[in-house]
Amino acid sequence: MSLEATVGDDGMIYIRETEQPDVVAVTTPAKWEAFVKGVKAGEFDHFVAGLEAEAG
Protein backbone atom coordinates (compact mmCIF):
# COMPACT_ATOMS: atom_id res chain seq x y z
CA MET A 1 0.00 0.00 0.00
CA SER A 2 1.14 3.52 -0.65
CA LEU A 3 -0.42 6.94 -0.34
CA GLU A 4 -0.64 9.63 -2.95
CA ALA A 5 -1.12 13.28 -2.04
CA THR A 6 -1.60 16.26 -4.31
CA VAL A 7 -2.66 19.87 -4.11
CA GLY A 8 -5.88 20.61 -5.99
CA ASP A 9 -6.69 23.74 -7.96
CA ASP A 10 -8.64 24.89 -4.90
CA GLY A 11 -5.52 24.70 -2.69
CA MET A 12 -6.83 21.73 -0.69
CA ILE A 13 -4.77 18.56 -0.17
CA TYR A 14 -6.20 15.36 -1.72
CA ILE A 15 -4.98 12.02 -0.37
CA ARG A 16 -5.73 8.48 -1.52
CA GLU A 17 -4.44 4.94 -1.19
CA THR A 18 -3.22 3.28 -4.36
CA GLU A 19 -5.29 0.18 -3.46
CA GLN A 20 -8.52 2.23 -3.26
CA PRO A 21 -8.01 5.16 -5.63
CA ASP A 22 -11.72 6.09 -5.65
CA VAL A 23 -11.65 6.87 -1.90
CA VAL A 24 -10.20 10.36 -1.45
CA ALA A 25 -9.63 12.27 1.78
CA VAL A 26 -9.47 16.05 1.59
CA THR A 27 -7.74 18.33 4.10
CA THR A 28 -6.40 21.84 4.44
CA PRO A 29 -2.75 22.70 3.83
CA ALA A 30 -2.36 23.65 7.52
CA LYS A 31 -3.69 20.30 8.74
CA TRP A 32 -1.52 18.42 6.24
CA GLU A 33 1.56 20.33 7.38
CA ALA A 34 0.78 19.52 11.03
CA PHE A 35 0.37 15.83 10.13
CA VAL A 36 3.68 15.70 8.24
CA LYS A 37 5.49 17.41 11.13
CA GLY A 38 3.97 14.84 13.50
CA VAL A 39 5.14 11.95 11.32
CA LYS A 40 8.66 13.36 11.15
CA ALA A 41 8.68 13.83 14.93
CA GLY A 42 7.67 10.19 15.50
CA GLU A 43 4.28 11.02 17.03
CA PHE A 44 2.62 8.09 15.26
CA ASP A 45 5.33 5.45 15.64
CA HIS A 46 3.37 3.64 18.35
CA PHE A 47 0.78 2.64 15.72
CA VAL A 48 3.33 0.43 13.97
CA ALA A 49 5.43 -0.67 16.95
CA GLY A 50 5.96 -4.42 16.83
CA LEU A 51 4.65 -4.92 13.30
CA GLU A 52 8.05 -5.98 11.96
CA ALA A 53 8.31 -8.70 14.60
CA GLU A 54 4.82 -9.98 13.74
CA ALA A 55 5.57 -10.07 10.00
CA GLY A 56 8.74 -12.16 10.48
C-alpha atoms as a PDB file:
ATOM      1  CA  MET A   1       0.000   0.000   0.000  1.00  0.00           C
ATOM      2  CA  SER A   2       1.138   3.516  -0.655  1.00  0.00           C
ATOM      3  CA  LEU A   3      -0.416   6.938  -0.335  1.00  0.00           C
ATOM      4  CA  GLU A   4      -0.636   9.630  -2.953  1.00  0.00           C
ATOM      5  CA  ALA A   5      -1.116  13.279  -2.039  1.00  0.00           C
ATOM      6  CA  THR A   6      -1.595  16.257  -4.310  1.00  0.00           C
ATOM      7  CA  VAL A   7      -2.663  19.871  -4.113  1.00  0.00           C
ATOM      8  CA  GLY A   8      -5.877  20.608  -5.991  1.00  0.00           C
ATOM      9  CA  ASP A   9      -6.690  23.739  -7.962  1.00  0.00           C
ATOM     10  CA  ASP A  10      -8.635  24.890  -4.899  1.00  0.00           C
ATOM     11  CA  GLY A  11      -5.524  24.696  -2.687  1.00  0.00           C
ATOM     12  CA  MET A  12      -6.829  21.726  -0.694  1.00  0.00           C
ATOM     13  CA  ILE A  13      -4.769  18.560  -0.174  1.00  0.00           C
ATOM     14  CA  TYR A  14      -6.195  15.363  -1.721  1.00  0.00           C
ATOM     15  CA  ILE A  15      -4.982  12.021  -0.367  1.00  0.00           C
ATOM     16  CA  ARG A  16      -5.732   8.476  -1.519  1.00  0.00           C
ATOM     17  CA  GLU A  17      -4.441   4.936  -1.192  1.00  0.00           C
ATOM     18  CA  THR A  18      -3.216   3.276  -4.356  1.00  0.00           C
ATOM     19  CA  GLU A  19      -5.285   0.182  -3.464  1.00  0.00           C
ATOM     20  CA  GLN A  20      -8.519   2.228  -3.255  1.00  0.00           C
ATOM     21  CA  PRO A  21      -8.014   5.164  -5.635  1.00  0.00           C
ATOM     22  CA  ASP A  22     -11.716   6.092  -5.651  1.00  0.00           C
ATOM     23  CA  VAL A  23     -11.648   6.873  -1.900  1.00  0.00           C
ATOM     24  CA  VAL A  24     -10.197  10.358  -1.452  1.00  0.00           C
ATOM     25  CA  ALA A  25      -9.626  12.269   1.776  1.00  0.00           C
ATOM     26  CA  VAL A  26      -9.472  16.048   1.592  1.00  0.00           C
ATOM     27  CA  THR A  27      -7.742  18.326   4.101  1.00  0.00           C
ATOM     28  CA  THR A  28      -6.398  21.838   4.440  1.00  0.00           C
ATOM     29  CA  PRO A  29      -2.753  22.695   3.832  1.00  0.00           C
ATOM     30  CA  ALA A  30      -2.360  23.651   7.521  1.00  0.00           C
ATOM     31  CA  LYS A  31      -3.689  20.303   8.743  1.00  0.00           C
ATOM     32  CA  TRP A  32      -1.522  18.417   6.242  1.00  0.00           C
ATOM     33  CA  GLU A  33       1.564  20.331   7.380  1.00  0.00           C
ATOM     34  CA  ALA A  34       0.778  19.518  11.032  1.00  0.00           C
ATOM     35  CA  PHE A  35       0.366  15.830  10.132  1.00  0.00           C
ATOM     36  CA  VAL A  36       3.676  15.702   8.243  1.00  0.00           C
ATOM     37  CA  LYS A  37       5.486  17.409  11.134  1.00  0.00           C
ATOM     38  CA  GLY A  38       3.975  14.839  13.500  1.00  0.00           C
ATOM     39  CA  VAL A  39       5.138  11.948  11.321  1.00  0.00           C
ATOM     40  CA  LYS A  40       8.656  13.362  11.151  1.00  0.00           C
ATOM     41  CA  ALA A  41       8.677  13.826  14.935  1.00  0.00           C
ATOM     42  CA  GLY A  42       7.669  10.195  15.500  1.00  0.00           C
ATOM     43  CA  GLU A  43       4.277  11.021  17.033  1.00  0.00           C
ATOM     44  CA  PHE A  44       2.616   8.087  15.263  1.00  0.00           C
ATOM     45  CA  ASP A  45       5.331   5.452  15.635  1.00  0.00           C
ATOM     46  CA  HIS A  46       3.370   3.641  18.346  1.00  0.00           C
ATOM     47  CA  PHE A  47       0.779   2.641  15.720  1.00  0.00           C
ATOM     48  CA  VAL A  48       3.329   0.425  13.970  1.00  0.00           C
ATOM     49  CA  ALA A  49       5.427  -0.665  16.949  1.00  0.00           C
ATOM     50  CA  GLY A  50       5.956  -4.420  16.831  1.00  0.00           C
ATOM     51  CA  LEU A  51       4.649  -4.921  13.302  1.00  0.00           C
ATOM     52  CA  GLU A  52       8.047  -5.976  11.959  1.00  0.00           C
ATOM     53  CA  ALA A  53       8.313  -8.701  14.600  1.00  0.00           C
ATOM     54  CA  GLU A  54       4.819  -9.983  13.743  1.00  0.00           C
ATOM     55  CA  ALA A  55       5.571 -10.074  10.001  1.00  0.00           C
ATOM     56  CA  GLY A  56       8.741 -12.162  10.478  1.00  0.00           C
END
